Amino acid sequence: MTEKEGDKVRINHYFKKTFNVKDEFYINEFLWDPNKDKELENSLSRHIYDMLKEEDTERKDLNHISYQIHYDINTKFALSTRRKFVKPLNFSMKMAGVIILAMTVFLRTKSYFTRYSRHQSWIEFKAPAWSRAKFSPPDGTIGWLNSKSTLRYCGNFRDQRMVSVSGEVLLM
């Protein structure tokens, strides 16, 4: 089978919609190549005249049909190549959205617990047995703890003055 006969067979399969993936790929490449426009026009004209098979029909100019087919194939090919880029782009945008959402939830949760965990922290001074300890909380008060005494205050002392004492404390 010559190349021209192979083209004719592939085009026949294409128009009858009995083509396989190889034929479709070949036809798309054949129709997409601007250097093969004249060959395409001749091939399509031959195909259309073969389909008519009426001997009394005079040959007509069928260029508008070949241009329409060429346009349809090129549009289909351009859309299929565009879709190849759009799908990964859509996927990457969805993934970026998921990552940003997860990071936002994580950071908001972290800031919430960090802010409120500071209120729960306590600072503790202890005086060991048989000794006295000097202490000074953030407000500048000076005090002494007697032996085996403990003073606890909230880590956020300036906003929340909560003090817990066990034992003896002298404040000055």
Protein backbone atom coordinates (compact mmCIF):
# COMPACT_ATOMS: atom_id res chain seq x y z
CA MET A 1 0.00 0.00 0.00
CA THR A 2 1.45 3.37 -1.01
CA GLU A 3 1.44 6.40 1.23
CA LYS A 4 -1.35 8.06 -0.79
CA GLU A 5 -3.52 4.94 -0.53
CA GLY A 6 -2.77 4.79 3.22
CA ASP A 7 -3.84 8.41 3.57
CA LYS A 8 -7.01 7.66 1.64
CA VAL A 9 -7.81 4.66 3.87
CA ARG A 10 -7.16 6.67 7.04
CA ILE A 11 -9.31 9.56 5.81
CA ASN A 12 -12.10 7.13 4.89
CA HIS A 13 -11.94 5.64 8.38
CA TYR A 14 -11.93 9.13 9.87
CA PHE A 15 -15.03 10.26 7.97
CA LYS A 16 -16.87 7.02 8.68
CA LYS A 17 -15.88 7.37 12.37
CA THR A 18 -14.30 3.91 12.40
CA PHE A 19 -10.80 5.14 13.13
CA ASN A 20 -8.46 4.10 15.92
CA VAL A 21 -6.25 6.32 18.10
CA LYS A 22 -3.29 5.98 15.72
CA ASP A 23 -5.39 7.12 12.77
CA GLU A 24 -6.80 10.04 14.72
CA PHE A 25 -3.33 11.14 15.78
CA TYR A 26 -2.09 10.87 12.17
CA ILE A 27 -5.08 12.82 10.81
CA ASN A 28 -4.70 15.53 13.43
CA GLU A 29 -1.01 15.91 12.63
CA PHE A 30 -1.75 15.82 8.92
CA LEU A 31 -4.46 18.48 9.21
CA TRP A 32 -2.51 20.65 11.67
CA ASP A 33 0.62 20.97 9.52
CA PRO A 34 0.34 24.21 7.45
CA ASN A 35 2.92 22.87 4.96
CA LYS A 36 0.50 20.13 3.93
CA ASP A 37 -2.44 22.41 3.08
CA LYS A 38 -2.25 21.74 -0.66
CA GLU A 39 -1.85 17.99 -0.11
CA LEU A 40 -4.78 18.11 2.33
CA GLU A 41 -6.94 19.96 -0.16
CA ASN A 42 -6.16 17.41 -2.89
CA SER A 43 -6.74 14.47 -0.57
CA LEU A 44 -10.08 15.82 0.69
CA SER A 45 -11.20 16.67 -2.84
CA ARG A 46 -10.36 13.13 -3.96
CA HIS A 47 -12.23 11.72 -1.02
CA ILE A 48 -15.32 13.86 -1.63
CA TYR A 49 -15.35 13.05 -5.36
CA ASP A 50 -15.00 9.37 -4.55
CA MET A 51 -17.95 9.64 -2.20
CA LEU A 52 -20.12 11.29 -4.86
CA LYS A 53 -19.48 8.49 -7.41
CA GLU A 54 -21.78 10.12 -9.84
CA GLU A 55 -20.22 10.31 -13.24
CA ASP A 56 -22.53 12.98 -14.57
CA THR A 57 -21.84 15.35 -11.72
CA GLU A 58 -19.51 18.07 -12.83
CA ARG A 59 -16.50 18.83 -10.67
CA LYS A 60 -17.25 21.65 -8.31
CA ASP A 61 -15.01 23.79 -6.18
CA LEU A 62 -15.13 22.20 -2.73
CA ASN A 63 -12.47 24.33 -1.06
CA HIS A 64 -14.93 25.76 1.44
CA ILE A 65 -15.59 22.23 2.75
CA SER A 66 -11.88 21.48 3.18
CA TYR A 67 -11.36 24.83 4.90
CA GLN A 68 -14.25 24.08 7.29
CA ILE A 69 -12.87 20.63 8.09
CA HIS A 70 -9.39 22.08 8.53
CA TYR A 71 -10.76 24.77 10.84
CA ASP A 72 -12.73 22.23 12.92
CA ILE A 73 -9.72 19.95 13.33
CA ASN A 74 -7.39 22.83 14.24
CA THR A 75 -9.87 24.19 16.77
CA LYS A 76 -10.25 20.74 18.33
CA PHE A 77 -6.46 20.31 18.44
CA ALA A 78 -5.92 23.77 19.97
CA LEU A 79 -8.55 23.11 22.64
CA SER A 80 -7.06 19.72 23.48
CA THR A 81 -3.56 21.22 23.89
CA ARG A 82 -5.02 24.03 26.02
CA ARG A 83 -6.74 21.50 28.27
CA LYS A 84 -3.39 19.81 28.87
CA PHE A 85 -2.22 23.00 30.58
CA VAL A 86 -5.48 23.90 32.28
CA LYS A 87 -5.91 20.59 34.16
CA PRO A 88 -2.56 20.77 36.01
CA LEU A 89 -3.14 24.46 36.67
CA ASN A 90 -6.57 23.77 38.18
CA PHE A 91 -5.13 20.94 40.27
CA SER A 92 -2.27 23.10 41.55
CA MET A 93 -4.66 25.93 42.42
CA LYS A 94 -6.87 23.53 44.38
CA MET A 95 -3.85 22.16 46.23
CA ALA A 96 -2.65 25.70 47.02
CA GLY A 97 -6.10 26.53 48.39
CA VAL A 98 -6.09 23.44 50.60
CA ILE A 99 -2.59 24.25 51.89
CA ILE A 100 -3.48 27.88 52.60
CA LEU A 101 -6.67 26.84 54.38
CA ALA A 102 -4.81 24.28 56.50
CA MET A 103 -2.09 26.81 57.39
CA THR A 104 -4.67 29.43 58.32
CA VAL A 105 -6.52 27.02 60.61
CA PHE A 106 -3.23 25.89 62.18
CA LEU A 107 -1.95 29.43 62.80
CA ARG A 108 -5.27 30.66 64.19
CA THR A 109 -5.49 27.67 66.53
CA LYS A 110 -1.88 28.13 67.62
CA SER A 111 -2.35 31.84 68.32
CA TYR A 112 -5.53 31.13 70.28
CA PHE A 113 -3.88 28.56 72.53
CA THR A 114 -0.69 30.61 72.89
CA ARG A 115 -2.61 33.67 73.99
CA TYR A 116 -4.75 31.83 76.50
CA SER A 117 -2.06 29.48 77.76
CA ARG A 118 -0.09 32.49 79.02
CA HIS A 119 -2.89 33.18 81.53
CA GLN A 120 -2.53 29.67 82.83
CA SER A 121 1.22 29.81 83.48
CA TRP A 122 2.35 30.39 87.05
CA ILE A 123 5.65 31.63 88.43
CA GLU A 124 6.70 30.12 91.73
CA PHE A 125 9.24 31.14 94.39
CA LYS A 126 10.25 28.61 97.06
CA ALA A 127 12.34 29.09 100.16
CA PRO A 128 14.19 25.90 101.17
CA ALA A 129 14.13 24.65 104.75
CA TRP A 130 16.20 26.65 107.28
CA SER A 131 16.58 29.67 104.99
CA ARG A 132 14.93 32.85 103.78
CA ALA A 133 14.53 33.92 100.11
CA LYS A 134 14.13 37.43 98.69
CA PHE A 135 11.75 37.87 95.74
CA SER A 136 10.47 40.67 93.52
CA PRO A 137 7.37 40.25 91.27
CA PRO A 138 7.02 42.37 88.07
CA ASP A 139 5.23 45.24 89.87
CA GLY A 140 8.45 46.06 91.79
CA THR A 141 7.34 44.93 95.25
CA ILE A 142 10.12 43.42 97.36
CA GLY A 143 9.39 40.55 99.70
CA TRP A 144 10.91 37.78 101.81
CA LEU A 145 9.84 34.17 102.07
CA ASN A 146 10.42 32.35 105.34
CA SER A 147 11.69 28.76 105.37
CA LYS A 148 9.54 26.11 103.62
CA SER A 149 7.28 28.86 102.17
CA THR A 150 5.99 29.19 98.58
CA LEU A 151 4.70 32.17 96.62
CA ARG A 152 2.95 31.65 93.26
CA TYR A 153 1.61 34.34 90.94
CA CYS A 154 0.12 34.37 87.44
CA GLY A 155 2.52 34.73 84.49
CA ASN A 156 0.46 37.66 83.27
CA PHE A 157 0.83 39.50 86.59
CA ARG A 158 0.33 43.03 85.26
CA ASP A 159 -3.12 42.20 83.83
CA GLN A 160 -4.20 39.62 86.36
CA ARG A 161 -2.95 39.97 89.97
CA MET A 162 -3.57 36.53 91.33
CA VAL A 163 -1.22 35.43 94.13
CA SER A 164 -1.13 32.16 96.06
CA VAL A 165 0.89 31.91 99.29
CA SER A 166 1.71 28.90 101.44
CA GLY A 167 3.79 29.58 104.52
CA GLU A 168 5.06 32.97 105.78
CA VAL A 169 5.68 36.00 103.53
CA LEU A 170 6.93 39.48 104.46
CA LEU A 171 6.13 42.23 101.89
CA MET A 172 7.84 45.65 101.96
